[in-house]
Amino acid sequence: MLRERGLDRVVEFARRSGLVVRHLFASDDDLAELRAEGRLVPTGVSHPDAEVYGPVIDAYVSSVDCRDIELFHLLEPVDRSRSNVILRVQDPPPVVRRLHVIADLLDDRTERSRLEAERLFAELMRGRDG
């Protein structure tokens, strides 16, 4: 089914129940600290497999850790267009697989992220990773 419906099926996968996406803003200093935060599980543009580089952190986190991290780093809720931190709150955070990365790249809604999602999906369909 994934082969037949392609990226449309991945978009459906992205709409998981129990997932809350928080769009936040952090200072440059806090961004640097967040990159080393062990409670965050990188995904999307922040995942090492994604060849999208920039000043954004995209990660899964538990609800308890999310509250702590937001308070400690004084993260400010903002519109999607102003956010430089995307916290995907899920209990427990998933073990991030290729489909998570692809779905979260598609959620980014930029052309660069979409192209990277297509590249990773093509690799997945060729059986290079899973």
N, C-alpha and C. Protein backbone atom coordinates (compact mmCIF):
# COMPACT_ATOMS: atom_id res chain seq x y z
N MET A 1 0.82 -1.19 0.00
CA MET A 1 0.00 0.00 0.00
C MET A 1 0.87 1.26 0.00
N LEU A 2 1.98 1.25 0.72
CA LEU A 2 2.86 2.40 0.77
C LEU A 2 3.44 2.69 -0.61
N ARG A 3 3.84 1.62 -1.31
CA ARG A 3 4.36 1.81 -2.67
C ARG A 3 3.32 2.41 -3.61
N GLU A 4 2.08 1.95 -3.47
CA GLU A 4 1.02 2.40 -4.38
C GLU A 4 0.61 3.84 -4.13
N ARG A 5 0.50 4.23 -2.87
CA ARG A 5 -0.02 5.55 -2.53
C ARG A 5 1.08 6.57 -2.24
N GLY A 6 2.31 6.13 -2.12
CA GLY A 6 3.46 7.01 -2.00
C GLY A 6 3.40 8.01 -0.87
N LEU A 7 3.82 9.23 -1.19
CA LEU A 7 3.92 10.27 -0.17
C LEU A 7 2.56 10.63 0.42
N ASP A 8 1.47 10.43 -0.33
CA ASP A 8 0.14 10.70 0.24
C ASP A 8 -0.11 9.82 1.45
N ARG A 9 0.34 8.59 1.40
CA ARG A 9 0.17 7.67 2.54
C ARG A 9 1.04 8.11 3.71
N VAL A 10 2.22 8.64 3.43
CA VAL A 10 3.10 9.13 4.49
C VAL A 10 2.46 10.34 5.18
N VAL A 11 1.80 11.20 4.42
CA VAL A 11 1.10 12.35 5.00
C VAL A 11 0.02 11.86 5.96
N GLU A 12 -0.69 10.81 5.59
CA GLU A 12 -1.69 10.23 6.49
C GLU A 12 -1.03 9.71 7.77
N PHE A 13 0.13 9.08 7.64
CA PHE A 13 0.87 8.57 8.78
C PHE A 13 1.23 9.72 9.74
N ALA A 14 1.50 10.90 9.19
CA ALA A 14 1.90 12.05 10.00
C ALA A 14 0.78 12.49 10.94
N ARG A 15 -0.46 12.18 10.62
CA ARG A 15 -1.60 12.57 11.45
C ARG A 15 -1.88 11.52 12.51
N ARG A 16 -0.90 11.26 13.34
CA ARG A 16 -1.02 10.24 14.38
C ARG A 16 -1.80 10.78 15.56
N SER A 17 -2.66 9.94 16.13
CA SER A 17 -3.39 10.37 17.33
C SER A 17 -2.41 10.42 18.50
N GLY A 18 -2.66 11.33 19.41
CA GLY A 18 -1.80 11.46 20.58
C GLY A 18 -0.56 12.30 20.34
N LEU A 19 -0.39 12.81 19.14
CA LEU A 19 0.77 13.64 18.82
C LEU A 19 0.35 15.11 18.86
N VAL A 20 1.07 15.89 19.63
CA VAL A 20 0.83 17.34 19.71
C VAL A 20 2.09 18.02 19.21
N VAL A 21 1.93 18.93 18.24
CA VAL A 21 3.07 19.63 17.68
C VAL A 21 3.09 21.05 18.23
N ARG A 22 4.21 21.41 18.87
CA ARG A 22 4.39 22.73 19.47
C ARG A 22 5.39 23.53 18.63
N HIS A 23 4.97 24.72 18.20
CA HIS A 23 5.85 25.63 17.44
C HIS A 23 6.32 26.71 18.40
N LEU A 24 7.64 26.78 18.56
CA LEU A 24 8.22 27.63 19.60
C LEU A 24 9.38 28.45 19.04
N PHE A 25 9.77 29.47 19.81
CA PHE A 25 10.92 30.29 19.43
C PHE A 25 11.93 30.26 20.56
N ALA A 26 13.22 30.09 20.19
CA ALA A 26 14.32 30.08 21.16
C ALA A 26 15.39 31.06 20.70
N SER A 27 16.11 31.60 21.67
CA SER A 27 17.24 32.47 21.34
C SER A 27 18.34 31.61 20.72
N ASP A 28 19.30 32.27 20.09
CA ASP A 28 20.42 31.54 19.48
C ASP A 28 21.19 30.72 20.51
N ASP A 29 21.39 31.29 21.71
CA ASP A 29 22.10 30.55 22.77
C ASP A 29 21.32 29.30 23.18
N ASP A 30 20.01 29.45 23.33
CA ASP A 30 19.20 28.30 23.72
C ASP A 30 19.14 27.26 22.60
N LEU A 31 19.13 27.70 21.35
CA LEU A 31 19.16 26.74 20.24
C LEU A 31 20.42 25.87 20.33
N ALA A 32 21.54 26.48 20.60
CA ALA A 32 22.80 25.73 20.72
C ALA A 32 22.69 24.71 21.85
N GLU A 33 22.13 25.11 22.98
CA GLU A 33 21.98 24.18 24.11
C GLU A 33 20.99 23.06 23.78
N LEU A 34 19.91 23.41 23.08
CA LEU A 34 18.89 22.42 22.74
C LEU A 34 19.44 21.33 21.82
N ARG A 35 20.40 21.69 20.98
CA ARG A 35 20.99 20.68 20.07
C ARG A 35 21.66 19.56 20.85
N ALA A 36 22.09 19.85 22.08
CA ALA A 36 22.76 18.84 22.90
C ALA A 36 21.81 18.23 23.93
N GLU A 37 20.55 18.59 23.90
CA GLU A 37 19.57 18.10 24.89
C GLU A 37 19.25 16.63 24.63
N GLY A 38 19.64 15.78 25.56
CA GLY A 38 19.48 14.33 25.41
C GLY A 38 18.05 13.83 25.45
N ARG A 39 17.12 14.63 25.95
CA ARG A 39 15.72 14.20 26.01
C ARG A 39 14.98 14.44 24.70
N LEU A 40 15.62 15.11 23.76
CA LEU A 40 15.00 15.35 22.46
C LEU A 40 15.45 14.27 21.47
N VAL A 41 14.49 13.76 20.69
CA VAL A 41 14.77 12.75 19.67
C VAL A 41 14.63 13.43 18.31
N PRO A 42 15.76 13.74 17.64
CA PRO A 42 15.71 14.48 16.38
C PRO A 42 14.89 13.79 15.29
N THR A 43 14.21 14.60 14.50
CA THR A 43 13.42 14.13 13.36
C THR A 43 13.42 15.24 12.30
N GLY A 44 12.74 14.99 11.20
CA GLY A 44 12.59 16.01 10.17
C GLY A 44 13.89 16.68 9.80
N VAL A 45 13.90 18.02 9.77
CA VAL A 45 15.08 18.77 9.36
C VAL A 45 16.26 18.58 10.30
N SER A 46 16.04 18.11 11.52
CA SER A 46 17.12 17.91 12.49
C SER A 46 17.71 16.52 12.47
N HIS A 47 17.09 15.60 11.77
CA HIS A 47 17.57 14.22 11.75
C HIS A 47 18.84 14.13 10.90
N PRO A 48 19.81 13.35 11.35
CA PRO A 48 21.07 13.22 10.60
C PRO A 48 20.90 12.71 9.17
N ASP A 49 19.86 11.92 8.89
CA ASP A 49 19.65 11.41 7.54
C ASP A 49 19.12 12.47 6.58
N ALA A 50 18.50 13.50 7.12
CA ALA A 50 17.93 14.56 6.28
C ALA A 50 19.04 15.55 5.93
N GLU A 51 19.19 15.80 4.68
CA GLU A 51 20.22 16.74 4.24
C GLU A 51 19.62 18.13 4.09
N VAL A 52 18.97 18.57 5.17
CA VAL A 52 18.41 19.92 5.25
C VAL A 52 19.08 20.56 6.45
N TYR A 53 19.78 21.63 6.22
CA TYR A 53 20.54 22.24 7.30
C TYR A 53 20.03 23.64 7.53
N GLY A 54 19.93 24.01 8.79
CA GLY A 54 19.47 25.35 9.10
C GLY A 54 19.28 25.52 10.59
N PRO A 55 18.85 26.72 10.98
CA PRO A 55 18.73 27.06 12.40
C PRO A 55 17.39 26.65 13.01
N VAL A 56 16.99 25.41 12.78
CA VAL A 56 15.71 24.91 13.31
C VAL A 56 15.96 23.58 14.02
N ILE A 57 15.27 23.39 15.13
CA ILE A 57 15.31 22.11 15.83
C ILE A 57 13.93 21.49 15.71
N ASP A 58 13.89 20.25 15.26
CA ASP A 58 12.66 19.48 15.13
C ASP A 58 12.89 18.17 15.85
N ALA A 59 12.08 17.90 16.89
CA ALA A 59 12.35 16.71 17.70
C ALA A 59 11.10 16.22 18.41
N TYR A 60 11.12 14.92 18.73
CA TYR A 60 10.10 14.32 19.58
C TYR A 60 10.54 14.45 21.03
N VAL A 61 9.55 14.56 21.91
CA VAL A 61 9.83 14.69 23.33
C VAL A 61 8.60 14.23 24.11
N SER A 62 8.80 13.75 25.33
CA SER A 62 7.65 13.37 26.17
C SER A 62 6.98 14.64 26.70
N SER A 63 5.75 14.51 27.14
CA SER A 63 5.02 15.68 27.64
C SER A 63 5.68 16.28 28.88
N VAL A 64 6.16 15.45 29.79
CA VAL A 64 6.82 15.96 31.01
C VAL A 64 8.11 16.69 30.64
N ASP A 65 8.93 16.07 29.79
CA ASP A 65 10.17 16.71 29.38
C ASP A 65 9.92 17.97 28.58
N CYS A 66 8.85 18.00 27.79
CA CYS A 66 8.52 19.19 27.01
C CYS A 66 8.28 20.38 27.93
N ARG A 67 7.49 20.18 28.96
CA ARG A 67 7.22 21.27 29.91
C ARG A 67 8.51 21.77 30.55
N ASP A 68 9.35 20.84 30.99
CA ASP A 68 10.62 21.21 31.63
C ASP A 68 11.52 21.99 30.65
N ILE A 69 11.63 21.49 29.44
CA ILE A 69 12.50 22.12 28.44
C ILE A 69 11.97 23.51 28.07
N GLU A 70 10.66 23.63 27.89
CA GLU A 70 10.08 24.95 27.57
C GLU A 70 10.36 25.96 28.67
N LEU A 71 10.20 25.55 29.91
CA LEU A 71 10.44 26.47 31.04
C LEU A 71 11.92 26.81 31.17
N PHE A 72 12.79 25.81 31.13
CA PHE A 72 14.22 26.03 31.33
C PHE A 72 14.81 26.94 30.25
N HIS A 73 14.38 26.75 29.01
CA HIS A 73 14.93 27.51 27.88
C HIS A 73 14.08 28.72 27.50
N LEU A 74 13.05 29.00 28.30
CA LEU A 74 12.16 30.14 28.05
C LEU A 74 11.64 30.15 26.62
N LEU A 75 11.21 28.98 26.15
CA LEU A 75 10.70 28.86 24.79
C LEU A 75 9.34 29.54 24.71
N GLU A 76 9.17 30.31 23.69
CA GLU A 76 7.96 31.11 23.50
C GLU A 76 7.08 30.49 22.39
N PRO A 77 5.81 30.20 22.69
CA PRO A 77 4.92 29.72 21.63
C PRO A 77 4.73 30.81 20.57
N VAL A 78 4.86 30.43 19.30
CA VAL A 78 4.73 31.38 18.18
C VAL A 78 4.00 30.71 17.02
N ASP A 79 3.68 31.50 16.00
CA ASP A 79 3.12 30.94 14.76
C ASP A 79 4.14 30.00 14.13
N ARG A 80 3.64 29.10 13.35
CA ARG A 80 4.50 28.18 12.60
C ARG A 80 5.56 28.94 11.81
N SER A 81 5.19 30.06 11.22
CA SER A 81 6.11 30.81 10.36
C SER A 81 7.28 31.43 11.13
N ARG A 82 7.14 31.65 12.42
CA ARG A 82 8.20 32.26 13.23
C ARG A 82 8.97 31.25 14.07
N SER A 83 8.53 30.00 14.08
CA SER A 83 9.16 29.04 14.98
C SER A 83 10.53 28.58 14.49
N ASN A 84 11.42 28.39 15.46
CA ASN A 84 12.71 27.78 15.15
C ASN A 84 12.93 26.52 15.99
N VAL A 85 11.89 26.16 16.77
CA VAL A 85 11.89 24.92 17.53
C VAL A 85 10.52 24.26 17.34
N ILE A 86 10.54 23.02 16.87
CA ILE A 86 9.31 22.25 16.72
C ILE A 86 9.43 21.05 17.64
N LEU A 87 8.58 21.01 18.66
CA LEU A 87 8.59 19.88 19.58
C LEU A 87 7.34 19.05 19.31
N ARG A 88 7.57 17.79 18.98
CA ARG A 88 6.49 16.85 18.69
C ARG A 88 6.30 16.01 19.94
N VAL A 89 5.26 16.35 20.69
CA VAL A 89 5.04 15.76 22.00
C VAL A 89 4.27 14.46 21.86
N GLN A 90 4.88 13.39 22.34
CA GLN A 90 4.26 12.07 22.28
C GLN A 90 4.77 11.25 23.46
N ASP A 91 3.86 10.55 24.11
CA ASP A 91 4.21 9.71 25.26
C ASP A 91 4.04 8.24 24.94
N PRO A 92 5.11 7.49 24.97
CA PRO A 92 6.50 7.94 25.01
C PRO A 92 6.94 8.39 23.62
N PRO A 93 8.04 9.15 23.54
CA PRO A 93 8.54 9.53 22.22
C PRO A 93 8.89 8.27 21.43
N PRO A 94 8.66 8.28 20.13
CA PRO A 94 8.93 7.07 19.34
C PRO A 94 10.42 6.86 19.10
N VAL A 95 10.76 5.65 18.73
CA VAL A 95 12.06 5.39 18.14
C VAL A 95 11.90 5.90 16.71
N VAL A 96 12.63 6.92 16.35
CA VAL A 96 12.42 7.57 15.06
C VAL A 96 12.94 6.70 13.93
N ARG A 97 12.05 6.38 13.02
CA ARG A 97 12.37 5.58 11.83
C ARG A 97 12.28 6.49 10.61
N ARG A 98 12.62 5.93 9.48
CA ARG A 98 12.65 6.71 8.24
C ARG A 98 11.29 7.34 7.93
N LEU A 99 10.18 6.63 8.18
CA LEU A 99 8.86 7.21 7.90
C LEU A 99 8.56 8.42 8.78
N HIS A 100 9.02 8.40 10.02
CA HIS A 100 8.85 9.58 10.88
C HIS A 100 9.57 10.77 10.26
N VAL A 101 10.81 10.57 9.86
CA VAL A 101 11.61 11.66 9.29
C VAL A 101 10.94 12.20 8.03
N ILE A 102 10.49 11.32 7.16
CA ILE A 102 9.83 11.74 5.92
C ILE A 102 8.56 12.51 6.22
N ALA A 103 7.71 11.96 7.10
CA ALA A 103 6.45 12.63 7.45
C ALA A 103 6.72 14.01 8.06
N ASP A 104 7.72 14.10 8.91
CA ASP A 104 8.01 15.37 9.57
C ASP A 104 8.66 16.37 8.62
N LEU A 105 9.40 15.90 7.64
CA LEU A 105 9.90 16.79 6.59
C LEU A 105 8.73 17.34 5.77
N LEU A 106 7.76 16.50 5.46
CA LEU A 106 6.59 16.97 4.70
C LEU A 106 5.79 17.99 5.51
N ASP A 107 5.75 17.81 6.83
CA ASP A 107 5.05 18.75 7.69
C ASP A 107 5.72 20.12 7.70
N ASP A 108 7.00 20.18 7.40
CA ASP A 108 7.75 21.44 7.37
C ASP A 108 7.22 22.39 6.28
N ARG A 109 6.69 21.82 5.23
CA ARG A 109 6.02 22.56 4.15
C ARG A 109 6.91 23.51 3.34
N THR A 110 8.22 23.31 3.39
CA THR A 110 9.09 24.10 2.52
C THR A 110 9.48 23.22 1.33
N GLU A 111 9.84 23.86 0.25
CA GLU A 111 10.22 23.12 -0.95
C GLU A 111 11.45 22.25 -0.68
N ARG A 112 12.41 22.80 0.02
CA ARG A 112 13.64 22.06 0.31
C ARG A 112 13.34 20.80 1.13
N SER A 113 12.48 20.93 2.12
CA SER A 113 12.12 19.77 2.94
C SER A 113 11.32 18.75 2.14
N ARG A 114 10.42 19.23 1.28
CA ARG A 114 9.62 18.31 0.44
C ARG A 114 10.54 17.51 -0.48
N LEU A 115 11.50 18.18 -1.09
CA LEU A 115 12.43 17.48 -1.98
C LEU A 115 13.25 16.44 -1.21
N GLU A 116 13.64 16.78 0.00
CA GLU A 116 14.40 15.83 0.82
C GLU A 116 13.52 14.65 1.21
N ALA A 117 12.25 14.92 1.52
CA ALA A 117 11.31 13.84 1.84
C ALA A 117 11.16 12.90 0.64
N GLU A 118 11.07 13.47 -0.55
CA GLU A 118 10.95 12.65 -1.76
C GLU A 118 12.20 11.80 -1.96
N ARG A 119 13.37 12.37 -1.72
CA ARG A 119 14.63 11.61 -1.86
C ARG A 119 14.68 10.46 -0.87
N LEU A 120 14.36 10.73 0.39
CA LEU A 120 14.39 9.68 1.40
C LEU A 120 13.34 8.61 1.13
N PHE A 121 12.17 9.03 0.64
CA PHE A 121 11.12 8.06 0.31
C PHE A 121 11.57 7.16 -0.84
N ALA A 122 12.19 7.74 -1.86
CA ALA A 122 12.68 6.94 -2.99
C ALA A 122 13.71 5.92 -2.50
N GLU A 123 14.60 6.33 -1.60
CA GLU A 123 15.58 5.39 -1.04
C GLU A 123 14.87 4.27 -0.28
N LEU A 124 13.86 4.64 0.49
CA LEU A 124 13.10 3.64 1.26
C LEU A 124 12.44 2.63 0.32
N MET A 125 11.87 3.11 -0.75
CA MET A 125 11.18 2.22 -1.70
C MET A 125 12.18 1.34 -2.45
N ARG A 126 13.41 1.79 -2.58
CA ARG A 126 14.45 0.95 -3.19
C ARG A 126 15.01 -0.04 -2.19
N GLY A 127 14.59 0.06 -0.93
CA GLY A 127 15.04 -0.87 0.10
C GLY A 127 16.36 -0.55 0.74
N ARG A 128 16.77 0.73 0.65
CA ARG A 128 18.07 1.10 1.22
C ARG A 128 18.04 1.27 2.72
N ASP A 129 16.91 1.63 3.30
CA ASP A 129 16.80 1.80 4.74
C ASP A 129 15.35 1.60 5.12
N GLY A 130 15.10 1.47 6.41
CA GLY A 130 13.73 1.30 6.83
C GLY A 130 13.50 1.78 8.18
